[in-house]
């Protein structure tokens, strides 16, 4: 008897985001992309902005702000619906070229093979379309069974969460979402600011941080406050992340103070 059953296969990863593997990656694009700008905070976490909200400069100067696409795909390797987050110019421009080519058109009617070669800065990508073929019913069912709200990416929330009131529709308009799922409205929402109470809370937390770091903290926050030192101009969607960050800085400094106190 062999160590492993003859029909054993390693389980697929549970990652909701597509990670391109070395070699060939076959996908079917299932939604239109959302587009925007991606920056990184001091904790190496992404902050994403809509197209009309591009920051004037990056938070970390060594990490330039990058244009991104995010779209829903079916990953044939993982056999599941995932989000493909594209920041690579080569991939994006190749898909753009296919969309503009009258022989190919929108990528809902054919699979795409993305070949990854190399590592790090020496990584190369090539994008090759597969002859047109109607989307398999299995893929359609997988899309409907795993509703995804791409707009959640701008909040750093889970796009596949069941909490959303609406979800991203399938790109091919001949397909429909489940009757229990509403399609998302792609009208660009107006920017919302935080409340005065939330601004005051942040101000109090800043005062509990290391005084020597106050200027850098305020400069950092200004990037999500329309390049202003007025905290009340902070984008409401950024408040939870900024609050968590400043709370952590304040707690760290207060802990340092207590550790250095001289007992009497």
Protein backbone atom coordinates (compact mmCIF):
# COMPACT_ATOMS: atom_id res chain seq x y z
CA UNK A 1 0.00 0.00 0.00
CA UNK A 2 1.38 3.41 -1.01
CA UNK A 3 1.88 6.23 1.50
CA UNK A 4 -0.71 8.47 -0.23
CA UNK A 5 -4.05 7.49 -1.81
CA UNK A 6 -3.80 7.24 -5.60
CA UNK A 7 -6.49 9.90 -6.07
CA UNK A 8 -5.01 12.36 -3.55
CA UNK A 9 -4.59 16.01 -4.61
CA UNK A 10 -3.32 18.87 -2.46
CA UNK A 11 -6.16 21.28 -1.60
CA UNK A 12 -6.23 24.60 -3.41
CA UNK A 13 -5.27 27.73 -1.50
CA UNK A 14 -8.04 29.79 0.09
CA UNK A 15 -6.59 33.09 -1.11
CA UNK A 16 -9.23 35.39 -2.59
CA UNK A 17 -6.59 37.14 -4.71
CA UNK A 18 -4.92 35.61 -7.74
CA UNK A 19 -1.17 35.17 -7.34
CA UNK A 20 0.51 34.55 -10.66
CA UNK A 21 2.69 31.46 -10.58
CA UNK A 22 5.88 30.80 -12.51
CA UNK A 23 4.93 29.58 -15.98
CA UNK A 24 1.45 29.59 -17.51
CA UNK A 25 -1.60 30.99 -15.69
CA UNK A 26 -4.92 30.53 -17.48
CA UNK A 27 -7.83 32.77 -16.52
CA UNK A 28 -11.24 33.92 -17.75
CA UNK A 29 -12.01 37.57 -17.02
CA UNK A 30 -15.53 37.82 -15.57
CA UNK A 31 -16.05 41.47 -14.66
CA UNK A 32 -15.13 44.93 -15.79
CA UNK A 33 -12.23 46.39 -13.80
CA UNK A 34 -12.29 49.02 -11.13
CA UNK A 35 -9.35 51.40 -11.50
CA UNK A 36 -7.42 53.65 -9.21
CA UNK A 37 -4.13 54.47 -7.51
CA UNK A 38 -2.25 52.41 -4.95
CA UNK A 39 -0.03 53.84 -2.22
CA UNK A 40 1.54 52.17 0.86
CA UNK A 41 1.44 53.31 4.48
CA UNK A 42 4.22 53.18 7.07
CA UNK A 43 3.12 49.68 8.11
CA UNK A 44 3.53 48.41 4.54
CA UNK A 45 -0.22 48.13 3.99
CA UNK A 46 -1.89 49.31 0.76
CA UNK A 47 -4.07 52.41 0.60
CA UNK A 48 -6.13 52.67 -2.58
CA UNK A 49 -7.64 55.77 -4.12
CA UNK A 50 -10.15 56.27 -6.92
CA UNK A 51 -9.00 57.67 -10.24
CA UNK A 52 -9.93 61.26 -9.35
CA UNK A 53 -8.29 61.05 -5.90
CA UNK A 54 -4.64 60.51 -6.85
CA UNK A 55 -2.40 61.72 -3.99
CA UNK A 56 0.13 64.42 -4.79
CA UNK A 57 3.00 62.25 -3.55
CA UNK A 58 3.54 58.83 -1.96
CA UNK A 59 3.56 58.33 1.79
CA UNK A 60 6.84 56.41 1.54
CA UNK A 61 9.09 58.10 -1.01
CA UNK A 62 10.80 54.81 -1.93
CA UNK A 63 7.45 53.31 -3.00
CA UNK A 64 5.93 55.23 -5.93
CA UNK A 65 2.17 55.49 -6.35
CA UNK A 66 1.02 52.98 -8.97
CA UNK A 67 -2.02 52.77 -11.21
CA UNK A 68 -4.01 49.56 -10.72
CA UNK A 69 -6.85 47.53 -12.11
CA UNK A 70 -8.83 45.03 -10.03
CA UNK A 71 -11.22 42.60 -11.68
CA UNK A 72 -12.92 39.29 -11.04
CA UNK A 73 -11.49 36.26 -12.82
CA UNK A 74 -11.84 32.50 -12.83
CA UNK A 75 -8.46 30.95 -12.08
CA UNK A 76 -8.29 27.55 -13.81
CA UNK A 77 -5.30 26.45 -11.72
CA UNK A 78 -7.07 27.06 -8.43
CA UNK A 79 -10.46 26.22 -9.97
CA UNK A 80 -12.10 29.16 -8.25
CA UNK A 81 -13.27 32.75 -8.62
CA UNK A 82 -10.64 35.24 -7.47
CA UNK A 83 -9.72 38.91 -7.70
CA UNK A 84 -6.89 39.78 -10.04
CA UNK A 85 -5.09 42.92 -8.91
CA UNK A 86 -3.01 44.29 -11.79
CA UNK A 87 -0.23 46.83 -11.32
CA UNK A 88 2.07 45.46 -14.02
CA UNK A 89 2.10 47.72 -17.09
CA UNK A 90 2.89 44.81 -19.40
CA UNK A 91 -0.23 42.87 -18.42
CA UNK A 92 -2.52 45.89 -18.38
CA UNK A 93 -1.37 47.22 -21.76
CA UNK A 94 -1.64 43.75 -23.33
CA UNK A 95 -5.25 43.40 -22.19
CA UNK A 96 -5.94 46.95 -23.41
CA UNK A 97 -4.56 45.99 -26.82
CA UNK A 98 -6.81 42.93 -27.00
CA UNK A 99 -9.87 45.01 -26.12
CA UNK A 100 -9.07 47.48 -28.92
CA UNK A 101 -8.40 44.72 -31.44
CA UNK A 102 -11.60 44.04 -33.43
CA UNK A 103 -10.58 40.39 -33.85
CA UNK A 104 -10.65 39.91 -30.08
CA UNK A 105 -12.66 42.65 -28.36
CA UNK A 106 -13.74 42.58 -24.71
CA UNK A 107 -12.14 39.61 -22.91
CA UNK A 108 -15.38 38.04 -21.70
CA UNK A 109 -15.58 35.72 -24.69
CA UNK A 110 -12.21 33.99 -24.46
CA UNK A 111 -9.64 32.77 -21.96
CA UNK A 112 -6.28 34.44 -21.45
CA UNK A 113 -2.95 32.80 -20.69
CA UNK A 114 -0.47 34.87 -18.71
CA UNK A 115 3.05 33.47 -18.68
CA UNK A 116 5.34 34.59 -15.86
CA UNK A 117 9.09 34.16 -16.20
CA UNK A 118 11.89 35.25 -13.89
CA UNK A 119 11.85 36.67 -10.37
CA UNK A 120 11.92 40.07 -8.69
CA UNK A 121 12.84 42.97 -10.92
CA UNK A 122 13.75 40.52 -13.69
CA UNK A 123 10.21 39.15 -13.97
CA UNK A 124 8.65 39.20 -17.43
CA UNK A 125 5.02 38.66 -18.39
CA UNK A 126 3.42 37.73 -21.68
CA UNK A 127 -0.32 37.72 -22.35
CA UNK A 128 -1.83 35.39 -24.96
CA UNK A 129 -5.52 35.03 -25.82
CA UNK A 130 -7.12 31.64 -26.43
CA UNK A 131 -9.60 31.23 -29.33
CA UNK A 132 -13.12 32.45 -28.54
CA UNK A 133 -15.31 30.07 -26.60
CA UNK A 134 -18.61 30.67 -24.75
CA UNK A 135 -18.24 30.87 -21.00
CA UNK A 136 -18.86 27.46 -19.47
CA UNK A 137 -21.99 27.16 -17.32
CA UNK A 138 -19.80 25.97 -14.45
CA UNK A 139 -17.89 29.27 -14.46
CA UNK A 140 -21.13 31.26 -14.52
CA UNK A 141 -22.42 29.29 -11.55
CA UNK A 142 -19.16 29.83 -9.64
CA UNK A 143 -19.44 33.58 -10.23
CA UNK A 144 -23.01 33.62 -8.94
CA UNK A 145 -22.15 31.44 -5.96
CA UNK A 146 -19.28 33.70 -4.89
CA UNK A 147 -20.56 37.31 -5.15
CA UNK A 148 -17.82 39.89 -4.93
CA UNK A 149 -17.95 43.63 -4.31
CA UNK A 150 -14.82 45.10 -5.91
CA UNK A 151 -15.60 48.52 -4.42
CA UNK A 152 -14.59 47.10 -1.02
CA UNK A 153 -10.98 47.27 -2.16
CA UNK A 154 -11.03 51.03 -1.59
CA UNK A 155 -11.94 50.36 2.06
CA UNK A 156 -9.40 47.55 2.52
CA UNK A 157 -12.38 45.36 3.40
CA UNK A 158 -13.23 41.82 2.26
CA UNK A 159 -14.86 41.98 -1.21
CA UNK A 160 -16.32 38.49 -0.73
CA UNK A 161 -17.99 39.28 2.59
CA UNK A 162 -21.72 38.62 2.89
CA UNK A 163 -22.22 42.04 4.54
CA UNK A 164 -22.50 44.01 1.29
CA UNK A 165 -25.84 45.27 -0.01
CA UNK A 166 -24.66 45.11 -3.60
CA UNK A 167 -22.07 43.23 -5.63
CA UNK A 168 -20.10 43.65 -8.83
CA UNK A 169 -22.02 42.31 -11.86
CA UNK A 170 -20.64 39.95 -14.44
CA UNK A 171 -18.97 41.83 -17.26
CA UNK A 172 -20.86 40.05 -20.00
CA UNK A 173 -24.22 41.79 -19.90
CA UNK A 174 -26.00 38.70 -21.22
CA UNK A 175 -25.28 37.04 -17.88
CA UNK A 176 -27.14 37.95 -14.71
CA UNK A 177 -26.46 37.93 -11.02
CA UNK A 178 -28.58 35.79 -8.66
CA UNK A 179 -31.97 37.33 -7.98
CA UNK A 180 -30.98 37.81 -4.32
CA UNK A 181 -27.96 39.91 -5.27
CA UNK A 182 -28.19 43.51 -6.44
CA UNK A 183 -25.73 44.93 -8.93
CA UNK A 184 -23.42 47.63 -7.74
CA UNK A 185 -23.89 51.23 -8.84
CA UNK A 186 -20.68 52.38 -10.53
CA UNK A 187 -21.49 56.08 -10.24
CA UNK A 188 -18.52 57.68 -8.52
CA UNK A 189 -19.60 58.63 -4.98
CA UNK A 190 -18.88 62.08 -3.59
CA UNK A 191 -16.00 62.34 -1.17
CA UNK A 192 -17.19 62.21 2.46
CA UNK A 193 -15.23 63.70 5.35
CA UNK A 194 -15.01 62.47 8.90
CA UNK A 195 -17.06 64.10 11.65
CA UNK A 196 -15.75 66.79 14.00
CA UNK A 197 -15.87 64.26 16.85
CA UNK A 198 -13.69 61.84 14.89
CA UNK A 199 -11.24 64.64 14.08
CA UNK A 200 -11.06 65.59 17.76
CA UNK A 201 -10.44 61.96 18.71
CA UNK A 202 -7.51 61.79 16.30
CA UNK A 203 -6.14 65.07 17.62
CA UNK A 204 -6.17 63.76 21.21
CA UNK A 205 -4.40 60.58 20.11
CA UNK A 206 -1.71 62.55 18.28
CA UNK A 207 -1.04 64.47 21.51
CA UNK A 208 -0.38 61.12 23.22
CA UNK A 209 2.26 60.19 20.64
CA UNK A 210 5.99 60.90 20.83
CA UNK A 211 6.32 64.73 20.51
CA UNK A 212 9.41 64.22 18.34
CA UNK A 213 7.27 62.27 15.86
CA UNK A 214 4.31 64.67 15.84
CA UNK A 215 5.40 66.61 12.76
CA UNK A 216 5.95 63.47 10.68
CA UNK A 217 2.59 62.07 11.84
CA UNK A 218 0.75 65.24 10.83
CA UNK A 219 2.55 65.32 7.49
CA UNK A 220 1.56 61.69 6.93
CA UNK A 221 -2.10 62.36 7.79
CA UNK A 222 -2.23 65.41 5.51
CA UNK A 223 -1.93 63.08 2.51
CA UNK A 224 -5.40 61.68 3.26
CA UNK A 225 -6.79 65.10 4.26
CA UNK A 226 -6.67 66.74 0.83
CA UNK A 227 -3.05 67.76 1.56
CA UNK A 228 -4.28 69.83 4.52
CA UNK A 229 -3.39 69.78 8.23
CA UNK A 230 -7.12 70.06 8.98
CA UNK A 231 -8.06 66.58 10.24
CA UNK A 232 -11.76 67.21 9.58
CA UNK A 233 -10.96 67.00 5.85
CA UNK A 234 -9.96 63.35 6.16
CA UNK A 235 -11.70 61.00 3.75
CA UNK A 236 -14.17 58.98 5.84
CA UNK A 237 -13.16 55.76 4.09
CA UNK A 238 -9.61 56.22 5.41
CA UNK A 239 -10.60 56.92 9.02
CA UNK A 240 -10.60 53.32 10.38
CA UNK A 241 -7.09 52.65 9.05
CA UNK A 242 -5.70 56.00 10.25
CA UNK A 243 -7.34 55.61 13.66
CA UNK A 244 -5.80 52.16 14.09
CA UNK A 245 -2.38 53.48 13.08
CA UNK A 246 -2.41 56.50 15.43
CA UNK A 247 -3.84 54.45 18.31
CA UNK A 248 -0.93 52.07 17.89
CA UNK A 249 1.64 54.88 17.88
CA UNK A 250 0.06 56.47 20.97
CA UNK A 251 -0.09 53.18 22.88
CA UNK A 252 3.54 52.43 22.00
CA UNK A 253 4.74 55.81 23.26
CA UNK A 254 2.69 55.66 26.46
CA UNK A 255 4.11 52.20 27.15
CA UNK A 256 7.63 53.60 26.70
CA UNK A 257 6.91 56.41 29.16
CA UNK A 258 5.70 53.97 31.82
CA UNK A 259 8.71 51.72 31.29
CA UNK A 260 11.05 54.68 31.88
CA UNK A 261 9.31 56.00 34.98
CA UNK A 262 11.50 56.06 38.08
CA UNK A 263 9.72 54.48 41.09
CA UNK A 264 9.81 56.41 44.35
